[in-house]
N, C-alpha and C. Protein backbone atom coordinates (compact mmCIF):
# COMPACT_ATOMS: atom_id res chain seq x y z
N MET A 1 -3.48 -1.71 11.93
CA MET A 1 -3.73 -0.59 12.94
C MET A 1 -3.41 -0.83 14.23
N ALA A 2 -2.53 -0.12 14.81
CA ALA A 2 -2.65 -0.30 16.44
C ALA A 2 -3.39 0.49 17.17
N LYS A 3 -3.77 0.08 18.33
CA LYS A 3 -4.41 0.36 19.73
C LYS A 3 -3.60 1.08 20.35
N ILE A 4 -3.81 2.24 21.17
CA ILE A 4 -3.28 2.54 22.45
C ILE A 4 -4.97 2.75 23.33
N THR A 5 -4.38 2.79 24.74
CA THR A 5 -5.45 2.84 25.65
C THR A 5 -4.75 4.37 26.34
N VAL A 6 -6.00 5.04 26.38
CA VAL A 6 -5.86 6.34 27.08
C VAL A 6 -6.72 6.62 28.10
N GLN A 7 -6.52 6.69 29.44
CA GLN A 7 -7.74 6.83 30.39
C GLN A 7 -9.09 6.15 29.97
N GLU A 8 -8.61 5.06 29.66
CA GLU A 8 -9.74 3.56 29.63
C GLU A 8 -10.56 3.87 28.15
N THR A 9 -9.63 4.45 27.44
CA THR A 9 -10.51 4.63 26.22
C THR A 9 -9.45 4.18 25.04
N GLU A 10 -10.02 2.94 24.00
CA GLU A 10 -9.29 2.57 23.16
C GLU A 10 -8.84 3.96 21.81
N ILE A 11 -7.89 4.04 21.63
CA ILE A 11 -7.31 4.95 20.45
C ILE A 11 -6.84 4.45 19.25
N THR A 12 -7.39 4.57 18.33
CA THR A 12 -6.94 3.83 17.08
C THR A 12 -5.73 4.91 16.49
N ILE A 13 -4.60 4.00 16.13
CA ILE A 13 -3.48 4.67 15.44
C ILE A 13 -3.25 4.03 14.38
N VAL A 14 -3.10 4.80 13.26
CA VAL A 14 -2.54 4.43 11.87
C VAL A 14 -1.40 5.05 11.50
N THR A 15 -0.54 4.24 10.77
CA THR A 15 0.86 4.40 10.50
C THR A 15 0.81 4.43 8.99
N PHE A 16 1.37 5.90 8.19
CA PHE A 16 1.10 5.99 6.80
C PHE A 16 2.36 6.65 6.89
N GLU A 17 3.32 6.29 5.64
CA GLU A 17 4.99 6.69 5.41
C GLU A 17 5.40 7.13 6.64
N GLU A 18 5.55 6.06 7.60
CA GLU A 18 6.11 6.12 8.58
C GLU A 18 5.79 7.15 9.84
N ARG A 19 4.60 7.65 9.64
CA ARG A 19 4.31 8.45 10.51
C ARG A 19 2.95 8.12 10.99
N ASP A 20 2.73 8.18 12.51
CA ASP A 20 1.63 7.71 13.00
C ASP A 20 0.57 8.89 13.34
N TYR A 21 -0.50 8.65 13.10
CA TYR A 21 -1.99 9.18 13.37
C TYR A 21 -2.64 8.51 13.90
N ILE A 22 -3.38 9.96 14.83
CA ILE A 22 -4.39 8.88 16.36
C ILE A 22 -5.68 9.38 15.64
N SER A 23 -6.78 8.76 16.17
CA SER A 23 -7.92 8.73 15.48
C SER A 23 -8.96 9.82 16.48
N LEU A 24 -9.14 11.08 15.54
CA LEU A 24 -9.97 11.95 16.44
C LEU A 24 -11.35 11.46 16.52
N THR A 25 -11.52 10.57 15.57
CA THR A 25 -13.10 9.98 16.32
C THR A 25 -13.24 9.14 17.23
N ASP A 26 -12.30 8.45 17.51
CA ASP A 26 -11.99 7.77 18.70
C ASP A 26 -11.97 8.48 20.21
N MET A 27 -11.07 9.52 19.94
CA MET A 27 -11.35 10.47 20.80
C MET A 27 -12.58 11.28 21.12
N ALA A 28 -13.16 11.73 20.30
CA ALA A 28 -14.51 12.14 20.42
C ALA A 28 -15.85 11.45 20.99
N ASN A 29 -15.43 10.01 20.33
CA ASN A 29 -16.22 8.93 21.16
C ASN A 29 -16.25 9.08 22.84
N ALA A 30 -14.88 9.19 22.98
CA ALA A 30 -14.77 9.01 24.50
C ALA A 30 -15.20 10.07 25.21
N LYS A 31 -15.30 11.28 24.57
CA LYS A 31 -15.71 12.53 25.44
C LYS A 31 -17.43 12.33 25.36
N ASP A 32 -18.07 12.00 24.66
CA ASP A 32 -19.68 11.73 24.71
C ASP A 32 -19.65 10.34 23.92
N SER A 33 -21.20 10.27 23.78
CA SER A 33 -21.70 9.21 23.31
C SER A 33 -21.13 9.08 21.76
N GLU A 34 -21.25 8.06 21.24
CA GLU A 34 -20.91 7.90 19.77
C GLU A 34 -21.44 8.68 18.79
N SER A 35 -23.04 8.88 18.84
CA SER A 35 -23.89 9.72 18.24
C SER A 35 -23.72 10.84 18.27
N ARG A 36 -22.88 11.82 19.50
CA ARG A 36 -22.32 12.87 19.51
C ARG A 36 -20.65 13.19 18.55
N ALA A 37 -20.25 12.24 18.70
CA ALA A 37 -18.80 12.25 17.82
C ALA A 37 -18.83 13.39 16.65
N ALA A 38 -19.66 13.10 15.82
CA ALA A 38 -19.74 13.99 14.57
C ALA A 38 -19.87 15.23 14.78
N ASP A 39 -20.50 15.84 15.80
CA ASP A 39 -20.84 16.98 16.46
C ASP A 39 -19.77 17.62 17.07
N ILE A 40 -19.06 17.08 17.65
CA ILE A 40 -17.93 17.49 18.64
C ILE A 40 -16.91 17.53 17.64
N ILE A 41 -16.44 16.96 16.44
CA ILE A 41 -15.51 16.97 15.41
C ILE A 41 -16.01 18.36 14.75
N LYS A 42 -17.26 18.25 14.28
CA LYS A 42 -17.63 19.39 13.37
C LYS A 42 -17.43 20.97 14.06
N ASN A 43 -17.71 20.93 15.39
CA ASN A 43 -17.60 22.16 16.38
C ASN A 43 -16.12 22.20 16.40
N TRP A 44 -15.21 21.45 16.77
CA TRP A 44 -13.64 21.68 16.64
C TRP A 44 -13.28 21.99 14.88
N LEU A 45 -13.75 21.39 13.99
CA LEU A 45 -13.50 22.14 12.90
C LEU A 45 -13.72 23.41 12.36
N ARG A 46 -14.92 23.98 12.79
CA ARG A 46 -15.39 25.23 12.73
C ARG A 46 -14.99 26.25 13.64
N ASN A 47 -14.03 26.09 14.51
CA ASN A 47 -13.08 26.89 15.30
C ASN A 47 -12.03 27.42 14.36
N ARG A 48 -12.25 28.92 14.43
CA ARG A 48 -10.95 29.65 13.90
C ARG A 48 -9.71 29.39 13.87
N TYR A 49 -9.31 29.06 15.01
CA TYR A 49 -7.91 28.49 15.34
C TYR A 49 -7.53 27.04 14.62
N SER A 50 -8.49 26.01 14.77
CA SER A 50 -8.39 24.80 14.17
C SER A 50 -8.13 24.74 12.58
N LEU A 51 -9.16 26.17 12.04
CA LEU A 51 -9.18 26.19 10.71
C LEU A 51 -7.60 26.88 10.21
N GLU A 52 -6.99 27.97 11.22
CA GLU A 52 -5.78 28.25 10.93
C GLU A 52 -4.80 27.40 10.63
N PHE A 53 -4.78 26.48 11.75
CA PHE A 53 -3.92 25.08 12.11
C PHE A 53 -3.63 24.24 10.66
N LEU A 54 -5.26 24.19 10.37
CA LEU A 54 -4.89 22.94 9.32
C LEU A 54 -4.33 23.54 7.69
N GLY A 55 -5.07 24.73 7.91
CA GLY A 55 -4.68 25.38 6.47
C GLY A 55 -3.05 25.84 6.47
N THR A 56 -2.45 26.06 7.71
CA THR A 56 -0.74 26.18 7.30
C THR A 56 -0.39 24.89 7.44
N TRP A 57 -0.90 23.66 8.14
CA TRP A 57 -0.39 22.33 8.11
C TRP A 57 -0.21 22.13 6.37
N GLU A 58 -1.47 22.31 5.99
CA GLU A 58 -1.60 21.98 4.38
C GLU A 58 -0.62 22.58 3.49
N MET A 59 -0.50 24.04 3.93
CA MET A 59 0.73 24.96 3.26
C MET A 59 1.94 24.18 3.35
N VAL A 60 2.44 23.91 4.21
CA VAL A 60 3.60 23.39 4.53
C VAL A 60 3.98 21.71 3.96
N HIS A 61 2.55 20.84 4.42
CA HIS A 61 2.79 19.60 3.95
C HIS A 61 2.10 19.19 2.59
N ASN A 62 1.53 19.94 2.14
CA ASN A 62 0.88 19.48 0.57
C ASN A 62 0.97 20.46 -0.41
N PRO A 63 1.77 20.12 -1.23
CA PRO A 63 2.37 20.67 -2.42
C PRO A 63 1.00 20.64 -3.58
N LYS A 64 0.37 20.05 -3.30
CA LYS A 64 -1.10 20.44 -4.19
C LYS A 64 -2.07 21.15 -3.49
N PHE A 65 -1.91 21.77 -2.46
CA PHE A 65 -2.85 22.74 -1.46
C PHE A 65 -3.37 23.78 -2.05
N LYS A 66 -4.88 24.09 -2.40
CA LYS A 66 -4.94 25.35 -3.59
C LYS A 66 -5.51 26.37 -2.28
N VAL A 67 -4.38 27.00 -2.02
CA VAL A 67 -4.65 28.29 -1.45
C VAL A 67 -5.58 29.34 -1.43
N VAL A 68 -6.15 29.53 -2.72
CA VAL A 68 -6.71 30.20 -3.42
C VAL A 68 -8.26 30.07 -2.87
N GLU A 69 -8.41 28.51 -2.83
CA GLU A 69 -9.89 28.15 -2.69
C GLU A 69 -10.09 28.00 -1.21
N PHE A 70 -8.81 27.81 -0.34
CA PHE A 70 -8.90 28.00 1.33
C PHE A 70 -9.21 29.38 1.53
N ASP A 71 -8.86 30.58 1.09
CA ASP A 71 -8.89 31.75 1.40
C ASP A 71 -10.51 32.02 1.63
N HIS A 72 -11.32 31.37 0.84
CA HIS A 72 -13.17 31.77 1.07
C HIS A 72 -13.19 30.84 2.24
N PHE A 73 -12.60 29.98 2.96
CA PHE A 73 -12.95 29.44 4.13
C PHE A 73 -12.54 30.27 5.22
N LYS A 74 -11.25 30.90 5.23
CA LYS A 74 -10.75 31.69 6.11
C LYS A 74 -11.22 33.05 6.36
N SER A 75 -12.02 33.60 5.34
CA SER A 75 -12.58 34.59 5.16
C SER A 75 -13.72 34.63 5.95
N GLN A 76 -14.53 33.59 5.84
CA GLN A 76 -15.75 32.90 6.51
C GLN A 76 -15.68 32.64 7.81
N ALA A 77 -14.42 32.35 8.26
CA ALA A 77 -14.22 32.32 9.24
C ALA A 77 -13.70 33.35 10.36
N GLY A 78 -13.59 34.18 9.52
CA GLY A 78 -13.17 35.85 9.99
C GLY A 78 -11.64 35.79 10.52
N LEU A 79 -10.85 35.22 9.67
CA LEU A 79 -9.11 34.93 9.71
C LEU A 79 -9.05 35.72 8.60
N PRO A 80 -7.48 36.61 9.06
CA PRO A 80 -7.05 37.39 8.06
C PRO A 80 -6.48 36.65 7.14
N ILE A 81 -6.43 37.18 5.94
CA ILE A 81 -5.76 36.27 4.62
C ILE A 81 -4.35 36.89 4.38
N CYS A 82 -3.41 36.22 4.78
CA CYS A 82 -2.21 36.53 4.67
C CYS A 82 -1.43 35.14 4.26
N TYR A 83 -0.13 35.15 3.40
CA TYR A 83 0.75 34.44 3.19
C TYR A 83 2.03 34.29 3.80
N THR A 84 2.26 34.18 5.27
CA THR A 84 3.68 34.02 5.84
C THR A 84 3.70 32.41 6.04
N LEU A 85 4.82 32.27 5.97
CA LEU A 85 5.16 30.83 6.68
C LEU A 85 6.48 30.96 7.47
């Protein structure tokens, strides 16, 4: 695992299958105290637009993604259910 420093905060970078991923937890820890990092990420994941982005990303990149099960989450978030790519 590599690390970068952004605005005096160390952020972990994990490489998987030649792609780099940054740690949302490290970024959330920088925003507030470590105990609040989980709350920050939970609130981000509850956001309609974050949920829509994650669903779209999964449809494009995950051949095993269960779209029908995801529709339940989308409808609870108030997002329209459509299947366009």
